[in-house]
Amino acid sequence: MSAMHHDQRERPADQAWRKSTYSNASGNCVEVAAVSDGSVAVRNSRDPRGAVIYYTRPEIDAFIRGAKAGEFDDLTC
């Protein structure tokens, strides 16, 4: 995936962000938000004012399909 770093786009509003219900109480999760231009913003839930990375819908689709297929299972605890 090729993320667009240091993008000048408007950050999604706080209420637009969501994270998995599998997140734990210590905040170990990423959050995602849809952006008006069709992209998907991703940020670290422990640093909500930190960096935001934007991905295209096809990039997010490829990642989610891979995750559902178990391609990244070796990266989990």
C-alpha atoms as a PDB file:
ATOM      1  CA  MET A   1       0.000   0.000   0.000  1.00  0.00           C
ATOM      2  CA  SER A   2       1.236   3.475  -0.703  1.00  0.00           C
ATOM      3  CA  ALA A   3       0.058   5.921   1.918  1.00  0.00           C
ATOM      4  CA  MET A   4       0.034   9.644   1.307  1.00  0.00           C
ATOM      5  CA  HIS A   5       2.030  11.094   4.238  1.00  0.00           C
ATOM      6  CA  HIS A   6       1.874  14.700   5.467  1.00  0.00           C
ATOM      7  CA  ASP A   7      -1.235  15.310   3.453  1.00  0.00           C
ATOM      8  CA  GLN A   8      -2.802  18.765   3.465  1.00  0.00           C
ATOM      9  CA  ARG A   9      -6.361  17.439   3.542  1.00  0.00           C
ATOM     10  CA  GLU A  10      -8.779  18.411   6.240  1.00  0.00           C
ATOM     11  CA  ARG A  11      -8.714  16.020   9.191  1.00  0.00           C
ATOM     12  CA  PRO A  12     -11.966  14.144   9.791  1.00  0.00           C
ATOM     13  CA  ALA A  13     -14.062  15.421  12.704  1.00  0.00           C
ATOM     14  CA  ASP A  14     -13.607  13.632  16.022  1.00  0.00           C
ATOM     15  CA  GLN A  15     -17.050  12.007  15.795  1.00  0.00           C
ATOM     16  CA  ALA A  16     -16.210  10.545  12.355  1.00  0.00           C
ATOM     17  CA  TRP A  17     -13.490   8.246  13.717  1.00  0.00           C
ATOM     18  CA  ARG A  18     -14.269   4.659  14.627  1.00  0.00           C
ATOM     19  CA  LYS A  19     -12.340   1.664  15.850  1.00  0.00           C
ATOM     20  CA  SER A  20     -12.906  -2.019  16.141  1.00  0.00           C
ATOM     21  CA  THR A  21     -15.014  -3.415  18.949  1.00  0.00           C
ATOM     22  CA  TYR A  22     -12.050  -5.774  19.451  1.00  0.00           C
ATOM     23  CA  SER A  23      -9.975  -2.844  20.770  1.00  0.00           C
ATOM     24  CA  ASN A  24      -8.885  -3.142  24.364  1.00  0.00           C
ATOM     25  CA  ALA A  25      -9.174  -0.665  27.234  1.00  0.00           C
ATOM     26  CA  SER A  26      -5.555   0.480  26.903  1.00  0.00           C
ATOM     27  CA  GLY A  27      -6.330   1.917  23.475  1.00  0.00           C
ATOM     28  CA  ASN A  28      -4.234  -0.446  21.412  1.00  0.00           C
ATOM     29  CA  CYS A  29      -5.976   0.126  18.138  1.00  0.00           C
ATOM     30  CA  VAL A  30      -6.058   2.216  15.028  1.00  0.00           C
ATOM     31  CA  GLU A  31      -9.041   4.338  14.117  1.00  0.00           C
ATOM     32  CA  VAL A  32     -10.455   4.907  10.647  1.00  0.00           C
ATOM     33  CA  ALA A  33     -12.676   7.593   9.139  1.00  0.00           C
ATOM     34  CA  ALA A  34     -14.202   8.130   5.722  1.00  0.00           C
ATOM     35  CA  VAL A  35     -13.052  11.331   4.012  1.00  0.00           C
ATOM     36  CA  SER A  36     -15.226  13.420   1.698  1.00  0.00           C
ATOM     37  CA  ASP A  37     -12.857  12.844  -1.244  1.00  0.00           C
ATOM     38  CA  GLY A  38     -13.493   9.083  -1.030  1.00  0.00           C
ATOM     39  CA  SER A  39     -10.301   8.147   0.759  1.00  0.00           C
ATOM     40  CA  VAL A  40      -9.972   6.537   4.181  1.00  0.00           C
ATOM     41  CA  ALA A  41      -8.025   8.215   6.997  1.00  0.00           C
ATOM     42  CA  VAL A  42      -6.139   6.100   9.555  1.00  0.00           C
ATOM     43  CA  ARG A  43      -4.673   7.238  12.883  1.00  0.00           C
ATOM     44  CA  ASN A  44      -3.302   5.781  16.112  1.00  0.00           C
ATOM     45  CA  SER A  45      -6.051   5.777  18.743  1.00  0.00           C
ATOM     46  CA  ARG A  46      -3.515   6.605  21.485  1.00  0.00           C
ATOM     47  CA  ASP A  47      -2.473   9.781  19.642  1.00  0.00           C
ATOM     48  CA  PRO A  48      -5.674  11.301  18.202  1.00  0.00           C
ATOM     49  CA  ARG A  49      -3.944  14.622  17.435  1.00  0.00           C
ATOM     50  CA  GLY A  50      -0.992  12.866  15.784  1.00  0.00           C
ATOM     51  CA  ALA A  51      -0.341  11.889  12.195  1.00  0.00           C
ATOM     52  CA  VAL A  52      -3.134  10.838   9.870  1.00  0.00           C
ATOM     53  CA  ILE A  53      -2.413   8.596   6.901  1.00  0.00           C
ATOM     54  CA  TYR A  54      -4.797   8.573   3.924  1.00  0.00           C
ATOM     55  CA  TYR A  55      -5.428   5.500   1.797  1.00  0.00           C
ATOM     56  CA  THR A  56      -7.511   5.055  -1.319  1.00  0.00           C
ATOM     57  CA  ARG A  57     -10.563   2.791  -1.173  1.00  0.00           C
ATOM     58  CA  PRO A  58      -8.826   0.145  -3.344  1.00  0.00           C
ATOM     59  CA  GLU A  59      -5.847   0.131  -0.943  1.00  0.00           C
ATOM     60  CA  ILE A  60      -8.115  -0.331   2.089  1.00  0.00           C
ATOM     61  CA  ASP A  61     -10.082  -3.004   0.222  1.00  0.00           C
ATOM     62  CA  ALA A  62      -6.885  -4.958  -0.522  1.00  0.00           C
ATOM     63  CA  PHE A  63      -5.793  -4.750   3.113  1.00  0.00           C
ATOM     64  CA  ILE A  64      -9.155  -5.797   4.541  1.00  0.00           C
ATOM     65  CA  ARG A  65      -9.433  -8.715   2.127  1.00  0.00           C
ATOM     66  CA  GLY A  66      -5.968  -9.863   3.167  1.00  0.00           C
ATOM     67  CA  ALA A  67      -6.808  -9.507   6.859  1.00  0.00           C
ATOM     68  CA  LYS A  68     -10.031 -11.487   6.441  1.00  0.00           C
ATOM     69  CA  ALA A  69      -8.074 -14.195   4.606  1.00  0.00           C
ATOM     70  CA  GLY A  70      -5.635 -14.467   7.534  1.00  0.00           C
ATOM     71  CA  GLU A  71      -2.631 -13.091   5.638  1.00  0.00           C
ATOM     72  CA  PHE A  72      -1.520 -11.004   8.637  1.00  0.00           C
ATOM     73  CA  ASP A  73      -2.313 -13.423  11.438  1.00  0.00           C
ATOM     74  CA  ASP A  74       1.412 -13.898  12.148  1.00  0.00           C
ATOM     75  CA  LEU A  75       1.593 -10.227  13.210  1.00  0.00           C
ATOM     76  CA  THR A  76      -0.869 -10.558  16.097  1.00  0.00           C
ATOM     77  CA  CYS A  77      -0.149 -11.507  19.711  1.00  0.00           C
END
